[in-house]
């Protein structure tokens, strides 16, 4: 299942980056991440740190949640993660 999540996120990143008209290299530099990291993200290789996902989303002009579209229960899982990170999980 985890591999499916990576594939969905990879497809979303690749599709949205393609709309910018930027190459992987140019987009990665613009997003402030290593081009190898973006390539791995777009090919579902390895795990992305949340901060990297956030940088990619910001550079795309979308919410981090939009990068998770297509993952079952992504919205509720993201809300739970947000609560946990903000200390509102009590």
PDB file of N, CA and C in Angstrom:
ATOM      1  N   UNK A   1       0.825  -1.197   0.000  1.00  0.00           N
ATOM      2  CA  UNK A   1       0.000   0.000   0.000  1.00  0.00           C
ATOM      3  C   UNK A   1       0.870   1.262   0.000  1.00  0.00           C
ATOM      4  N   UNK A   2       1.983   1.229   0.765  1.00  0.00           N
ATOM      5  CA  UNK A   2       2.861   2.396   0.840  1.00  0.00           C
ATOM      6  C   UNK A   2       3.405   2.745  -0.534  1.00  0.00           C
ATOM      7  N   UNK A   3       3.732   1.738  -1.326  1.00  0.00           N
ATOM      8  CA  UNK A   3       4.233   1.964  -2.670  1.00  0.00           C
ATOM      9  C   UNK A   3       3.178   2.665  -3.531  1.00  0.00           C
ATOM     10  N   UNK A   4       1.915   2.319  -3.328  1.00  0.00           N
ATOM     11  CA  UNK A   4       0.821   2.968  -4.048  1.00  0.00           C
ATOM     12  C   UNK A   4       0.769   4.444  -3.704  1.00  0.00           C
ATOM     13  N   UNK A   5       0.966   4.786  -2.428  1.00  0.00           N
ATOM     14  CA  UNK A   5       0.972   6.188  -2.019  1.00  0.00           C
ATOM     15  C   UNK A   5       2.071   6.945  -2.754  1.00  0.00           C
ATOM     16  N   UNK A   6       3.241   6.366  -2.788  1.00  0.00           N
ATOM     17  CA  UNK A   6       4.368   7.022  -3.468  1.00  0.00           C
ATOM     18  C   UNK A   6       4.067   7.221  -4.955  1.00  0.00           C
ATOM     19  N   UNK A   7       3.448   6.219  -5.577  1.00  0.00           N
ATOM     20  CA  UNK A   7       3.131   6.326  -7.002  1.00  0.00           C
ATOM     21  C   UNK A   7       2.119   7.432  -7.265  1.00  0.00           C
ATOM     22  N   UNK A   8       1.108   7.540  -6.429  1.00  0.00           N
ATOM     23  CA  UNK A   8       0.095   8.585  -6.598  1.00  0.00           C
ATOM     24  C   UNK A   8       0.727   9.960  -6.426  1.00  0.00           C
ATOM     25  N   UNK A   9       1.528  10.128  -5.393  1.00  0.00           N
ATOM     26  CA  UNK A   9       2.193  11.408  -5.155  1.00  0.00           C
ATOM     27  C   UNK A   9       3.137  11.717  -6.319  1.00  0.00           C
ATOM     28  N   UNK A  10       3.873  10.726  -6.785  1.00  0.00           N
ATOM     29  CA  UNK A  10       4.799  10.910  -7.908  1.00  0.00           C
ATOM     30  C   UNK A  10       4.051  11.377  -9.154  1.00  0.00           C
ATOM     31  N   UNK A  11       2.926  10.746  -9.448  1.00  0.00           N
ATOM     32  CA  UNK A  11       2.138  11.132 -10.614  1.00  0.00           C
ATOM     33  C   UNK A  11       1.606  12.554 -10.472  1.00  0.00           C
ATOM     34  N   UNK A  12       1.150  12.902  -9.283  1.00  0.00           N
ATOM     35  CA  UNK A  12       0.626  14.254  -9.054  1.00  0.00           C
ATOM     36  C   UNK A  12       1.723  15.302  -9.226  1.00  0.00           C
ATOM     37  N   UNK A  13       2.889  15.038  -8.658  1.00  0.00           N
ATOM     38  CA  UNK A  13       4.001  15.987  -8.779  1.00  0.00           C
ATOM     39  C   UNK A  13       4.399  16.137 -10.244  1.00  0.00           C
ATOM     40  N   UNK A  14       4.566  15.037 -10.926  1.00  0.00           N
ATOM     41  CA  UNK A  14       4.995  15.060 -12.320  1.00  0.00           C
ATOM     42  C   UNK A  14       3.981  15.798 -13.196  1.00  0.00           C
ATOM     43  N   UNK A  15       2.707  15.502 -13.003  1.00  0.00           N
ATOM     44  CA  UNK A  15       1.654  16.137 -13.795  1.00  0.00           C
ATOM     45  C   UNK A  15       1.623  17.643 -13.553  1.00  0.00           C
ATOM     46  N   UNK A  16       1.668  18.041 -12.289  1.00  0.00           N
ATOM     47  CA  UNK A  16       1.607  19.463 -11.961  1.00  0.00           C
ATOM     48  C   UNK A  16       2.875  20.204 -12.392  1.00  0.00           C
ATOM     49  N   UNK A  17       4.024  19.567 -12.241  1.00  0.00           N
ATOM     50  CA  UNK A  17       5.262  20.201 -12.692  1.00  0.00           C
ATOM     51  C   UNK A  17       5.248  20.376 -14.202  1.00  0.00           C
ATOM     52  N   UNK A  18       4.704  19.383 -14.903  1.00  0.00           N
ATOM     53  CA  UNK A  18       4.609  19.468 -16.360  1.00  0.00           C
ATOM     54  C   UNK A  18       3.814  20.689 -16.808  1.00  0.00           C
ATOM     55  N   UNK A  19       2.800  21.042 -16.033  1.00  0.00           N
ATOM     56  CA  UNK A  19       1.996  22.226 -16.358  1.00  0.00           C
ATOM     57  C   UNK A  19       2.793  23.524 -16.220  1.00  0.00           C
ATOM     58  N   UNK A  20       3.862  23.503 -15.422  1.00  0.00           N
ATOM     59  CA  UNK A  20       4.677  24.712 -15.262  1.00  0.00           C
ATOM     60  C   UNK A  20       5.564  24.952 -16.471  1.00  0.00           C
ATOM     61  N   UNK A  21       5.797  23.890 -17.249  1.00  0.00           N
ATOM     62  CA  UNK A  21       6.673  24.002 -18.406  1.00  0.00           C
ATOM     63  C   UNK A  21       8.152  23.956 -18.055  1.00  0.00           C
ATOM     64  N   UNK A  22       8.454  23.725 -16.771  1.00  0.00           N
ATOM     65  CA  UNK A  22       9.848  23.678 -16.330  1.00  0.00           C
ATOM     66  C   UNK A  22      10.389  22.253 -16.361  1.00  0.00           C
ATOM     67  N   UNK A  23      11.668  22.138 -16.664  1.00  0.00           N
ATOM     68  CA  UNK A  23      12.335  20.843 -16.591  1.00  0.00           C
ATOM     69  C   UNK A  23      12.436  20.432 -15.121  1.00  0.00           C
ATOM     70  N   UNK A  24      12.746  19.161 -14.889  1.00  0.00           N
ATOM     71  CA  UNK A  24      12.950  18.707 -13.506  1.00  0.00           C
ATOM     72  C   UNK A  24      14.026  19.552 -12.836  1.00  0.00           C
ATOM     73  N   UNK A  25      15.119  19.783 -13.543  1.00  0.00           N
ATOM     74  CA  UNK A  25      16.237  20.533 -12.969  1.00  0.00           C
ATOM     75  C   UNK A  25      15.822  21.953 -12.606  1.00  0.00           C
ATOM     76  N   UNK A  26      15.214  22.663 -13.542  1.00  0.00           N
ATOM     77  CA  UNK A  26      14.814  24.058 -13.302  1.00  0.00           C
ATOM     78  C   UNK A  26      13.790  24.145 -12.183  1.00  0.00           C
ATOM     79  N   UNK A  27      12.840  23.226 -12.179  1.00  0.00           N
ATOM     80  CA  UNK A  27      11.822  23.256 -11.128  1.00  0.00           C
ATOM     81  C   UNK A  27      12.440  22.987  -9.762  1.00  0.00           C
ATOM     82  N   UNK A  28      13.334  22.009  -9.688  1.00  0.00           N
ATOM     83  CA  UNK A  28      13.973  21.669  -8.413  1.00  0.00           C
ATOM     84  C   UNK A  28      14.733  22.867  -7.854  1.00  0.00           C
ATOM     85  N   UNK A  29      15.480  23.544  -8.699  1.00  0.00           N
ATOM     86  CA  UNK A  29      16.223  24.726  -8.255  1.00  0.00           C
ATOM     87  C   UNK A  29      15.244  25.788  -7.762  1.00  0.00           C
ATOM     88  N   UNK A  30      14.168  25.995  -8.506  1.00  0.00           N
ATOM     89  CA  UNK A  30      13.143  26.965  -8.129  1.00  0.00           C
ATOM     90  C   UNK A  30      12.494  26.602  -6.794  1.00  0.00           C
ATOM     91  N   UNK A  31      12.307  25.309  -6.546  1.00  0.00           N
ATOM     92  CA  UNK A  31      11.669  24.843  -5.315  1.00  0.00           C
ATOM     93  C   UNK A  31      12.633  24.800  -4.134  1.00  0.00           C
ATOM     94  N   UNK A  32      13.924  24.923  -4.407  1.00  0.00           N
ATOM     95  CA  UNK A  32      14.913  24.884  -3.337  1.00  0.00           C
ATOM     96  C   UNK A  32      15.245  23.480  -2.863  1.00  0.00           C
ATOM     97  N   UNK A  33      15.139  22.519  -3.782  1.00  0.00           N
ATOM     98  CA  UNK A  33      15.482  21.137  -3.444  1.00  0.00           C
ATOM     99  C   UNK A  33      16.500  20.617  -4.448  1.00  0.00           C
ATOM    100  N   UNK A  34      17.175  19.560  -4.081  1.00  0.00           N
ATOM    101  CA  UNK A  34      18.162  18.932  -4.956  1.00  0.00           C
ATOM    102  C   UNK A  34      17.438  18.293  -6.148  1.00  0.00           C
ATOM    103  N   UNK A  35      17.925  18.496  -7.351  1.00  0.00           N
ATOM    104  CA  UNK A  35      17.297  17.873  -8.518  1.00  0.00           C
ATOM    105  C   UNK A  35      17.158  16.351  -8.398  1.00  0.00           C
ATOM    106  N   UNK A  36      18.098  15.700  -7.740  1.00  0.00           N
ATOM    107  CA  UNK A  36      18.005  14.248  -7.540  1.00  0.00           C
ATOM    108  C   UNK A  36      16.808  13.896  -6.665  1.00  0.00           C
ATOM    109  N   UNK A  37      16.511  14.762  -5.717  1.00  0.00           N
ATOM    110  CA  UNK A  37      15.361  14.535  -4.828  1.00  0.00           C
ATOM    111  C   UNK A  37      14.063  14.633  -5.619  1.00  0.00           C
ATOM    112  N   UNK A  38      13.967  15.641  -6.488  1.00  0.00           N
ATOM    113  CA  UNK A  38      12.759  15.777  -7.309  1.00  0.00           C
ATOM    114  C   UNK A  38      12.617  14.588  -8.251  1.00  0.00           C
ATOM    115  N   UNK A  39      13.711  14.176  -8.853  1.00  0.00           N
ATOM    116  CA  UNK A  39      13.654  13.020  -9.750  1.00  0.00           C
ATOM    117  C   UNK A  39      13.162  11.785  -9.001  1.00  0.00           C
ATOM    118  N   UNK A  40      13.680  11.577  -7.816  1.00  0.00           N
ATOM    119  CA  UNK A  40      13.232  10.436  -7.007  1.00  0.00           C
ATOM    120  C   UNK A  40      11.748  10.563  -6.670  1.00  0.00           C
ATOM    121  N   UNK A  41      11.312  11.777  -6.350  1.00  0.00           N
ATOM    122  CA  UNK A  41       9.903  12.004  -6.005  1.00  0.00           C
ATOM    123  C   UNK A  41       8.998  11.700  -7.193  1.00  0.00           C
ATOM    124  N   UNK A  42       9.409  12.124  -8.392  1.00  0.00           N
ATOM    125  CA  UNK A  42       8.591  11.913  -9.581  1.00  0.00           C
ATOM    126  C   UNK A  42       8.623  10.475 -10.083  1.00  0.00           C
ATOM    127  N   UNK A  43       9.550   9.680  -9.565  1.00  0.00           N
ATOM    128  CA  UNK A  43       9.652   8.288  -9.982  1.00  0.00           C
ATOM    129  C   UNK A  43       9.322   7.319  -8.846  1.00  0.00           C
ATOM    130  N   UNK A  44       8.756   7.854  -7.774  1.00  0.00           N
ATOM    131  CA  UNK A  44       8.327   7.054  -6.615  1.00  0.00           C
ATOM    132  C   UNK A  44       9.464   6.234  -6.024  1.00  0.00           C
ATOM    133  N   UNK A  45      10.673   6.803  -6.046  1.00  0.00           N
ATOM    134  CA  UNK A  45      11.839   6.141  -5.466  1.00  0.00           C
ATOM    135  C   UNK A  45      12.102   6.714  -4.076  1.00  0.00           C
ATOM    136  N   UNK A  46      12.008   5.888  -3.075  1.00  0.00           N
ATOM    137  CA  UNK A  46      12.305   6.328  -1.711  1.00  0.00           C
ATOM    138  C   UNK A  46      11.159   7.095  -1.075  1.00  0.00           C
ATOM    139  N   UNK A  47      11.436   7.596   0.102  1.00  0.00           N
ATOM    140  CA  UNK A  47      10.438   8.340   0.873  1.00  0.00           C
ATOM    141  C   UNK A  47      10.777   9.821   0.869  1.00  0.00           C
ATOM    142  N   UNK A  48       9.750  10.629   0.760  1.00  0.00           N
ATOM    143  CA  UNK A  48       9.919  12.075   0.815  1.00  0.00           C
ATOM    144  C   UNK A  48       9.715  12.566   2.238  1.00  0.00           C
ATOM    145  N   UNK A  49      10.531  13.499   2.644  1.00  0.00           N
ATOM    146  CA  UNK A  49      10.283  14.157   3.918  1.00  0.00           C
ATOM    147  C   UNK A  49       9.117  15.112   3.706  1.00  0.00           C
ATOM    148  N   UNK A  50       8.354  15.327   4.761  1.00  0.00           N
ATOM    149  CA  UNK A  50       7.204  16.224   4.655  1.00  0.00           C
ATOM    150  C   UNK A  50       7.657  17.620   4.252  1.00  0.00           C
ATOM    151  N   UNK A  51       8.799  18.066   4.758  1.00  0.00           N
ATOM    152  CA  UNK A  51       9.285  19.405   4.416  1.00  0.00           C
ATOM    153  C   UNK A  51       9.582  19.520   2.920  1.00  0.00           C
ATOM    154  N   UNK A  52      10.061  18.447   2.311  1.00  0.00           N
ATOM    155  CA  UNK A  52      10.328  18.447   0.873  1.00  0.00           C
ATOM    156  C   UNK A  52       9.020  18.489   0.102  1.00  0.00           C
ATOM    157  N   UNK A  53       8.060  17.711   0.529  1.00  0.00           N
ATOM    158  CA  UNK A  53       6.747  17.713  -0.103  1.00  0.00           C
ATOM    159  C   UNK A  53       6.136  19.108  -0.026  1.00  0.00           C
ATOM    160  N   UNK A  54       6.316  19.761   1.094  1.00  0.00           N
ATOM    161  CA  UNK A  54       5.802  21.117   1.292  1.00  0.00           C
ATOM    162  C   UNK A  54       6.494  22.102   0.348  1.00  0.00           C
ATOM    163  N   UNK A  55       7.800  21.980   0.189  1.00  0.00           N
ATOM    164  CA  UNK A  55       8.533  22.855  -0.743  1.00  0.00           C
ATOM    165  C   UNK A  55       8.038  22.663  -2.172  1.00  0.00           C
ATOM    166  N   UNK A  56       7.817  21.414  -2.551  1.00  0.00           N
ATOM    167  CA  UNK A  56       7.323  21.122  -3.895  1.00  0.00           C
ATOM    168  C   UNK A  56       5.936  21.729  -4.090  1.00  0.00           C
ATOM    169  N   UNK A  57       5.070  21.531  -3.118  1.00  0.00           N
ATOM    170  CA  UNK A  57       3.716  22.089  -3.202  1.00  0.00           C
ATOM    171  C   UNK A  57       3.755  23.614  -3.316  1.00  0.00           C
ATOM    172  N   UNK A  58       4.576  24.250  -2.490  1.00  0.00           N
ATOM    173  CA  UNK A  58       4.675  25.709  -2.537  1.00  0.00           C
ATOM    174  C   UNK A  58       5.158  26.182  -3.903  1.00  0.00           C
ATOM    175  N   UNK A  59       6.151  25.511  -4.458  1.00  0.00           N
ATOM    176  CA  UNK A  59       6.680  25.901  -5.768  1.00  0.00           C
ATOM    177  C   UNK A  59       5.649  25.679  -6.878  1.00  0.00           C
ATOM    178  N   UNK A  60       4.765  24.716  -6.677  1.00  0.00           N
ATOM    179  CA  UNK A  60       3.705  24.454  -7.648  1.00  0.00           C
ATOM    180  C   UNK A  60       2.514  25.378  -7.458  1.00  0.00           C
ATOM    181  N   UNK A  61       2.463  26.044  -6.303  1.00  0.00           N
ATOM    182  CA  UNK A  61       1.332  26.922  -6.008  1.00  0.00           C
ATOM    183  C   UNK A  61       0.082  26.165  -5.616  1.00  0.00           C
ATOM    184  N   UNK A  62       0.284  24.983  -5.024  1.00  0.00           N
ATOM    185  CA  UNK A  62      -0.843  24.160  -4.571  1.00  0.00           C
ATOM    186  C   UNK A  62      -0.637  23.795  -3.100  1.00  0.00           C
ATOM    187  N   UNK A  63      -1.674  23.279  -2.489  1.00  0.00           N
ATOM    188  CA  UNK A  63      -1.540  22.813  -1.113  1.00  0.00           C
ATOM    189  C   UNK A  63      -0.873  21.443  -1.098  1.00  0.00           C
ATOM    190  N   UNK A  64      -0.276  21.121   0.017  1.00  0.00           N
ATOM    191  CA  UNK A  64       0.330  19.795   0.156  1.00  0.00           C
ATOM    192  C   UNK A  64      -0.740  18.723  -0.019  1.00  0.00           C
ATOM    193  N   UNK A  65      -1.946  19.001   0.445  1.00  0.00           N
ATOM    194  CA  UNK A  65      -3.043  18.039   0.315  1.00  0.00           C
ATOM    195  C   UNK A  65      -3.336  17.708  -1.142  1.00  0.00           C
ATOM    196  N   UNK A  66      -3.157  18.669  -2.043  1.00  0.00           N
ATOM    197  CA  UNK A  66      -3.405  18.416  -3.462  1.00  0.00           C
ATOM    198  C   UNK A  66      -2.421  17.403  -4.031  1.00  0.00           C
ATOM    199  N   UNK A  67      -1.226  17.343  -3.466  1.00  0.00           N
ATOM    200  CA  UNK A  67      -0.254  16.357  -3.936  1.00  0.00           C
ATOM    201  C   UNK A  67      -0.642  14.946  -3.498  1.00  0.00           C
ATOM    202  N   UNK A  68      -1.529  14.869  -2.503  1.00  0.00           N
ATOM    203  CA  UNK A  68      -1.967  13.578  -1.985  1.00  0.00           C
ATOM    204  C   UNK A  68      -3.291  13.122  -2.587  1.00  0.00           C
ATOM    205  N   UNK A  69      -3.867  13.937  -3.489  1.00  0.00           N
ATOM    206  CA  UNK A  69      -5.146  13.568  -4.096  1.00  0.00           C
ATOM    207  C   UNK A  69      -5.035  12.229  -4.807  1.00  0.00           C
ATOM    208  N   UNK A  70      -6.020  11.397  -4.554  1.00  0.00           N
ATOM    209  CA  UNK A  70      -6.025  10.068  -5.154  1.00  0.00           C
ATOM    210  C   UNK A  70      -5.631   8.980  -4.168  1.00  0.00           C
ATOM    211  N   UNK A  71      -5.122   9.386  -3.014  1.00  0.00           N
ATOM    212  CA  UNK A  71      -4.783   8.425  -1.959  1.00  0.00           C
ATOM    213  C   UNK A  71      -6.011   8.272  -1.069  1.00  0.00           C
ATOM    214  N   UNK A  72      -6.470   7.049  -0.875  1.00  0.00           N
ATOM    215  CA  UNK A  72      -7.647   6.846  -0.025  1.00  0.00           C
ATOM    216  C   UNK A  72      -7.460   7.464   1.364  1.00  0.00           C
ATOM    217  N   UNK A  73      -8.440   8.206   1.804  1.00  0.00           N
ATOM    218  CA  UNK A  73      -8.460   8.835   3.125  1.00  0.00           C
ATOM    219  C   UNK A  73      -7.329   9.834   3.341  1.00  0.00           C
ATOM    220  N   UNK A  74      -6.751  10.362   2.278  1.00  0.00           N
ATOM    221  CA  UNK A  74      -5.620  11.286   2.416  1.00  0.00           C
ATOM    222  C   UNK A  74      -5.994  12.529   3.202  1.00  0.00           C
ATOM    223  N   UNK A  75      -7.183  13.072   2.964  1.00  0.00           N
ATOM    224  CA  UNK A  75      -7.582  14.301   3.655  1.00  0.00           C
ATOM    225  C   UNK A  75      -7.663  14.105   5.155  1.00  0.00           C
ATOM    226  N   UNK A  76      -8.281  13.002   5.580  1.00  0.00           N
ATOM    227  CA  UNK A  76      -8.397  12.769   7.018  1.00  0.00           C
ATOM    228  C   UNK A  76      -7.043  12.435   7.631  1.00  0.00           C
ATOM    229  N   UNK A  77      -6.203  11.731   6.895  1.00  0.00           N
ATOM    230  CA  UNK A  77      -4.867  11.411   7.397  1.00  0.00           C
ATOM    231  C   UNK A  77      -4.017  12.670   7.505  1.00  0.00           C
ATOM    232  N   UNK A  78      -4.139  13.567   6.534  1.00  0.00           N
ATOM    233  CA  UNK A  78      -3.392  14.817   6.584  1.00  0.00           C
ATOM    234  C   UNK A  78      -3.887  15.675   7.738  1.00  0.00           C
ATOM    235  N   UNK A  79      -5.186  15.698   7.970  1.00  0.00           N
ATOM    236  CA  UNK A  79      -5.736  16.456   9.099  1.00  0.00           C
ATOM    237  C   UNK A  79      -5.207  15.895  10.420  1.00  0.00           C
ATOM    238  N   UNK A  80      -5.131  14.591  10.531  1.00  0.00           N
ATOM    239  CA  UNK A  80      -4.597  13.963  11.740  1.00  0.00           C
ATOM    240  C   UNK A  80      -3.132  14.311  11.936  1.00  0.00           C
ATOM    241  N   UNK A  81      -2.371  14.289  10.850  1.00  0.00           N
ATOM    242  CA  UNK A  81      -0.956  14.631  10.913  1.00  0.00           C
ATOM    243  C   UNK A  81      -0.787  16.097  11.313  1.00  0.00           C
ATOM    244  N   UNK A  82      -1.596  16.960  10.730  1.00  0.00           N
ATOM    245  CA  UNK A  82      -1.535  18.389  11.059  1.00  0.00           C
ATOM    246  C   UNK A  82      -1.823  18.602  12.537  1.00  0.00           C
ATOM    247  N   UNK A  83      -2.848  17.930  13.049  1.00  0.00           N
ATOM    248  CA  UNK A  83      -3.173  18.034  14.478  1.00  0.00           C
ATOM    249  C   UNK A  83      -2.023  17.540  15.340  1.00  0.00           C
ATOM    250  N   UNK A  84      -1.444  16.427  14.950  1.00  0.00           N
ATOM    251  CA  UNK A  84      -0.327  15.854  15.714  1.00  0.00           C
ATOM    252  C   UNK A  84       0.846  16.814  15.737  1.00  0.00           C
ATOM    253  N   UNK A  85       1.210  17.365  14.588  1.00  0.00           N
ATOM    254  CA  UNK A  85       2.350  18.259  14.494  1.00  0.00           C
ATOM    255  C   UNK A  85       2.119  19.579  15.224  1.00  0.00           C
ATOM    256  N   UNK A  86       0.876  20.013  15.287  1.00  0.00           N
ATOM    257  CA  UNK A  86       0.573  21.285  15.951  1.00  0.00           C
ATOM    258  C   UNK A  86       0.277  21.108  17.437  1.00  0.00           C
ATOM    259  N   UNK A  87       0.228  19.866  17.900  1.00  0.00           N
ATOM    260  CA  UNK A  87      -0.036  19.597  19.305  1.00  0.00           C
ATOM    261  C   UNK A  87      -1.505  19.600  19.652  1.00  0.00           C
ATOM    262  N   UNK A  88      -2.388  19.565  18.636  1.00  0.00           N
ATOM    263  CA  UNK A  88      -3.831  19.576  18.853  1.00  0.00           C
ATOM    264  C   UNK A  88      -4.431  18.177  18.864  1.00  0.00           C
ATOM    265  N   UNK A  89      -3.619  17.172  19.114  1.00  0.00           N
ATOM    266  CA  UNK A  89      -4.082  15.795  19.048  1.00  0.00           C
ATOM    267  C   UNK A  89      -4.675  15.303  20.358  1.00  0.00           C
ATOM    268  N   UNK A  90      -4.881  16.198  21.275  1.00  0.00           N
ATOM    269  CA  UNK A  90      -5.371  15.816  22.601  1.00  0.00           C
ATOM    270  C   UNK A  90      -6.875  15.760  22.648  1.00  0.00           C
TER     271      UNK A  90
END
